[in-house]
Amino acid sequence: MLPVRIPIPKSFYSIETDEPHATCLACDASLLDGSTEYLIERGMRRYKAYDVQETVFEYALCMDCHATMRKSFSDTSMRRCQAYLSEHIDLAERTGRLLGTESHDPSDWMQQCIVHGTPRAELEEYQVMAHCQGDEMLLTHLPLVMGGPAMDELAQCLSDETINELGGFRDEHLGLPPELKRDLQGPVVA
């Protein structure tokens, strides 16, 4: 089944520019030329006591840089992560179900955590991910929401070596303040 292509929704625009992400975070490759596929990932945190939600980090990463990041995963981490995701998510079923609906509104696809089914509105922390090419979003098993508890469980699958590699990526590219670094394991790019 071919992905459905839609214009990138404004909810996936850069919070800095209010425009589509123009370059890859890691290599500065142009993302809007039409041929480059890339992933967008955004980490969100909700402060219920204050009724506030904030973006903790966001970035766009071209598929070449994404492949390089995935190669930094140890064999053990890769096996454990794949086993965890296979146990909790049927991506083929999700893709077929979502593409089989009349709605191609990505917000309908991101109402709950892909792993636990927790409604997004109830999550204190979550990440959203999308697959794009040029100025279009590709609807496949992405976009998706992964809640904080699922991210924590997935992080438990990572070896110390992989955690250090992802921490290096986080430190080099995301510039998080120290109080958030200890809470976030690193990117969880699909």
Foldseek 3Di string as FASTA:
>chain_A
DFWDKDFDDLVQDDPVPSHRDQAFLPPRDGQQPQAWKKKKKWKKFADVVVRDIDTQFIGIHTPVVVVVLVVQADPQLVVLLVVLCVVFADQQVLQCVQVVDPDPDQVVLEQAARRPRHGPVPARMKMWMFMAGNRITTRGSDGYIHGPVRQVVSLVSGDPSSLVSQLVVCVVRTVGDPVCSVVHSHDPHD
